[in-house]
Protein backbone atom coordinates (compact mmCIF):
# COMPACT_ATOMS: atom_id res chain seq x y z
CA VAL A 1 46.60 67.00 25.71
CA ILE A 2 44.36 69.81 26.42
CA LEU A 3 44.66 73.15 24.18
CA ASN A 4 43.29 76.65 24.69
CA GLN A 5 41.89 76.39 21.23
CA THR A 6 41.75 73.43 18.77
CA ILE A 7 40.80 72.52 15.06
CA PHE A 8 39.98 68.85 16.22
CA TYR A 9 36.37 67.95 16.29
CA PRO A 10 35.38 65.61 19.19
CA THR A 11 33.25 62.74 18.99
CA SER A 12 29.94 64.64 19.24
CA GLY A 13 26.41 64.73 18.12
CA GLY A 14 26.62 61.24 16.61
CA GLN A 15 29.71 62.27 14.56
CA ALA A 16 33.14 60.64 14.76
CA HIS A 17 36.20 62.54 15.86
CA ASP A 18 38.89 63.83 13.74
CA LEU A 19 42.28 62.41 13.35
CA GLY A 20 45.64 64.10 12.57
CA THR A 21 48.77 65.15 14.50
CA ILE A 22 49.94 67.41 17.22
CA ASN A 23 53.54 68.29 16.80
CA GLY A 24 53.95 65.24 14.36
CA ASN A 25 52.42 62.93 17.24
CA LYS A 26 49.45 61.02 16.03
CA VAL A 27 46.08 62.00 17.53
CA VAL A 28 44.07 58.81 18.08
CA ASP A 29 41.01 59.97 19.74
CA VAL A 30 39.30 63.33 20.67
CA LEU A 31 36.63 63.46 23.23
CA LYS A 32 34.70 66.28 25.07
CA ILE A 33 34.59 66.11 29.01
CA GLY A 34 32.28 68.79 30.06
CA SER A 35 33.51 71.97 28.35
CA VAL A 36 36.93 70.60 27.88
CA ILE A 37 38.23 68.93 24.60
CA VAL A 38 40.81 66.29 25.25
CA HIS A 39 43.25 64.98 22.51
CA VAL A 40 44.52 61.42 23.05
CA LEU A 41 47.91 60.84 21.40
CA LYS A 42 49.62 57.58 20.26
CA ASP A 43 52.85 58.52 22.03
CA LYS A 44 53.47 60.33 25.35
CA PRO A 45 54.06 64.06 24.38
CA LEU A 46 57.02 66.09 25.33
CA LEU A 47 54.96 69.21 26.03
CA LYS A 48 54.81 71.68 29.00
CA PRO A 49 52.09 74.25 29.73
CA SER A 50 52.06 77.38 27.66
CA ASN A 51 54.04 75.48 24.70
CA GLU A 52 52.77 76.29 21.35
CA VAL A 53 51.87 73.34 19.20
CA LEU A 54 51.15 72.62 15.39
CA CYS A 55 47.91 70.81 14.74
CA LYS A 56 47.03 69.12 11.51
CA ILE A 57 43.74 67.15 10.76
CA ASP A 58 43.27 64.45 8.36
CA LYS A 59 41.64 66.53 5.69
CA ASP A 60 40.00 63.66 3.65
CA ARG A 61 38.40 62.28 6.82
CA ARG A 62 37.08 65.48 7.82
CA VAL A 63 35.70 65.99 4.41
CA GLN A 64 34.01 62.59 4.52
CA LEU A 65 32.40 63.15 7.81
CA ALA A 66 31.16 66.59 6.90
CA GLN A 67 29.61 65.01 3.75
CA HIS A 68 27.72 62.48 5.83
CA HIS A 69 26.66 65.01 8.28
CA THR A 70 25.09 67.36 5.73
CA ALA A 71 23.77 64.16 4.00
CA THR A 72 21.99 63.37 7.30
CA HIS A 73 20.12 66.69 7.21
CA ILE A 74 19.36 66.15 3.62
CA ILE A 75 17.99 62.66 3.89
CA ASN A 76 15.95 63.75 7.02
CA ALA A 77 14.20 66.48 5.00
CA ALA A 78 13.76 64.06 2.06
CA ALA A 79 12.18 61.36 4.19
CA LYS A 80 9.77 64.18 5.58
CA LYS A 81 8.76 65.12 2.23
CA VAL A 82 8.19 61.46 0.78
CA LEU A 83 6.69 60.03 4.12
CA GLY A 84 5.03 62.95 5.75
CA LYS A 85 5.49 65.79 8.14
CA HIS A 86 5.58 63.31 11.28
CA VAL A 87 9.08 62.28 10.32
CA ASN A 88 11.82 63.62 12.76
CA GLN A 89 15.32 62.41 13.52
CA ALA A 90 15.37 60.19 16.39
CA GLY A 91 19.17 59.61 16.44
CA ALA A 92 22.06 59.33 13.97
CA LYS A 93 25.60 58.28 13.52
CA LYS A 94 28.22 59.57 10.96
CA ASP A 95 31.24 57.67 10.42
CA VAL A 96 33.79 57.41 7.53
CA ASP A 97 32.66 54.31 5.61
CA LYS A 98 28.84 54.96 6.27
CA ALA A 99 26.34 56.67 8.40
CA HIS A 100 22.71 56.05 9.52
CA LEU A 101 19.68 58.21 10.36
CA ASP A 102 17.02 57.01 12.67
CA ILE A 103 13.56 58.58 11.81
CA THR A 104 10.25 58.50 13.44
CA HIS A 105 7.95 56.32 11.31
CA TYR A 106 5.19 53.96 12.04
CA GLN A 107 6.13 51.20 9.67
CA SER A 108 9.04 49.53 7.84
CA LEU A 109 9.90 51.09 4.45
CA ASN A 110 9.33 49.28 1.08
CA ASP A 111 11.82 49.63 -1.87
CA ASP A 112 9.72 52.18 -3.62
CA GLU A 113 9.74 54.43 -0.42
CA LEU A 114 13.54 54.03 -0.08
CA GLN A 115 14.18 54.87 -3.74
CA ALA A 116 11.77 57.93 -3.60
CA ILE A 117 13.86 59.24 -0.55
CA GLU A 118 17.10 58.59 -2.25
CA THR A 119 15.93 60.26 -5.26
CA GLU A 120 14.54 63.39 -3.36
CA ALA A 121 17.85 63.55 -1.33
CA ASN A 122 19.92 63.67 -4.54
CA LYS A 123 17.80 66.30 -6.17
CA ILE A 124 18.43 68.56 -3.19
CA VAL A 125 22.18 67.75 -3.54
CA LYS A 126 22.13 68.71 -7.17
CA GLN A 127 20.10 72.01 -6.53
CA ASN A 128 23.77 73.49 -5.48
CA LEU A 129 22.10 75.12 -2.22
CA PRO A 130 24.30 77.08 0.24
CA VAL A 131 24.72 75.37 3.65
CA HIS A 132 24.55 78.29 5.97
CA SER A 133 26.18 78.19 9.50
CA TYR A 134 25.53 80.87 12.20
CA PHE A 135 24.76 81.40 15.78
CA LEU A 136 21.44 82.57 17.36
CA THR A 137 20.18 82.85 20.95
CA ARG A 138 17.95 79.92 22.01
CA ASP A 139 14.99 82.28 22.30
CA GLU A 140 15.58 83.74 18.74
CA ALA A 141 16.10 80.45 17.23
CA GLU A 142 12.98 79.02 18.61
CA SER A 143 10.89 82.21 17.61
CA ARG A 144 12.17 82.02 14.17
CA PHE A 145 12.01 78.38 13.26
CA GLY A 146 10.12 76.75 16.02
CA MET A 147 10.94 73.47 18.14
CA ALA A 148 11.66 71.52 14.73
CA ILE A 149 15.35 72.77 15.03
CA TYR A 150 15.91 70.11 17.88
CA GLN A 151 16.27 67.06 15.54
CA GLY A 152 17.70 64.12 17.48
CA GLY A 153 17.00 65.82 21.04
CA ALA A 154 17.54 69.05 22.60
CA VAL A 155 20.82 71.02 22.36
CA PRO A 156 22.31 72.63 25.61
CA GLY A 157 23.64 76.21 25.82
CA LYS A 158 22.04 79.69 25.50
CA MET A 159 23.52 80.25 22.08
CA LEU A 160 22.74 77.57 19.38
CA ARG A 161 24.60 76.97 16.07
CA ILE A 162 22.17 76.92 13.46
CA ILE A 163 22.79 74.89 10.14
CA GLU A 164 20.40 76.00 7.42
CA ILE A 165 19.84 74.67 3.69
CA PRO A 166 17.44 77.49 2.63
CA GLY A 167 14.01 76.11 1.88
CA ILE A 168 15.02 72.70 2.90
CA ASP A 169 15.96 72.15 6.30
CA VAL A 170 17.05 74.06 9.49
CA GLU A 171 18.59 72.40 12.60
CA ALA A 172 20.48 73.23 15.70
CA CYS A 173 23.67 71.34 15.21
CA GLY A 174 27.14 71.58 16.31
CA GLY A 175 28.84 69.09 13.76
CA THR A 176 30.94 69.68 10.60
CA HIS A 177 29.24 70.33 7.38
CA VAL A 178 30.16 71.14 3.66
CA LYS A 179 29.49 74.66 2.29
CA ASN A 180 27.17 73.78 -0.49
CA THR A 181 24.84 70.65 -1.09
CA LYS A 182 26.60 69.65 -4.15
CA GLU A 183 29.65 69.03 -2.11
CA VAL A 184 27.83 66.14 -0.56
CA GLY A 185 28.18 63.97 -3.58
CA VAL A 186 25.88 61.12 -4.53
CA ILE A 187 23.82 59.85 -1.80
CA LYS A 188 23.13 56.13 -1.73
CA ILE A 189 20.76 54.43 0.77
CA ILE A 190 22.00 51.07 1.44
CA LYS A 191 19.27 49.70 3.43
CA SER A 192 16.68 50.43 5.98
CA SER A 193 15.59 48.42 9.10
CA LYS A 194 12.89 48.78 11.93
CA ILE A 195 14.96 48.98 15.13
CA GLN A 196 11.89 49.48 17.46
CA ASP A 197 8.21 50.49 17.28
CA GLY A 198 7.97 53.77 15.44
CA ILE A 199 11.70 54.08 14.61
CA VAL A 200 13.20 53.14 11.25
CA ARG A 201 16.98 53.37 10.39
CA LEU A 202 18.33 54.34 7.25
CA THR A 203 21.87 53.26 6.38
CA PHE A 204 23.51 55.31 3.79
CA THR A 205 26.66 56.68 2.13
CA ALA A 206 27.67 60.08 0.45
CA GLY A 207 30.49 61.42 -1.35
CA HIS A 208 33.70 59.19 -1.83
CA ALA A 209 32.06 56.51 0.55
CA SER A 210 29.36 56.29 -2.10
CA GLU A 211 32.04 55.59 -4.80
CA ILE A 212 33.50 52.89 -2.69
CA GLU A 213 29.96 51.32 -2.13
CA GLU A 214 29.18 51.32 -5.80
CA LYS A 215 32.31 49.56 -6.55
CA LYS A 216 31.63 46.94 -4.01
CA GLU A 217 28.13 46.29 -5.55
CA LYS A 218 29.81 45.80 -8.77
CA GLY A 219 32.18 43.26 -7.42
CA LEU A 220 35.36 45.25 -7.88
CA ILE A 221 38.30 44.79 -5.68
CA ILE A 222 39.01 47.59 -3.26
CA GLU A 223 42.56 48.35 -2.33
């Protein structure tokens, strides 16, 4: 199904897609093909062009994905502070159960460095900082913030959506985010691994996913 407008976020920028329903029919996938967002439904829809539809997204899933996406920006900033200004995002994936951030760094991280990044990230969370979202022309964004806004690669288009955590991080990003750093909840870095020369992957959880991870670590049964 293709709609003239949608509340569903498609798989994009390393973030998993929303789930939910369209007229009660389960949405199982959302993907972007060119400039068009396509909704894949579980059952064949009884719809005709110009029909109005009722869209509902899985709110808990959306919140968790937003927590993981904002946490990605926060961890990137924390890693830059702990390890040095050479750190940049080389890639990322945000899913519901966990997420990972690939950063540029010349060697594997030790336990002390991981703990320092996690501590710094949670300090940012606790600062209760606003997460601003706004649009700028590419020229204005680059003039104001420099090329560092392109974390994880260049972003297409003449207008850029900017996600700014004042004094912490500014990036061109089209993903879903929380409104305040405190909404991210506790950030837990589960592990790190060197995936290639000069690239280190940080696997982490935030929000409710961190609560589940903590219960797993304590050996509690999760329903």
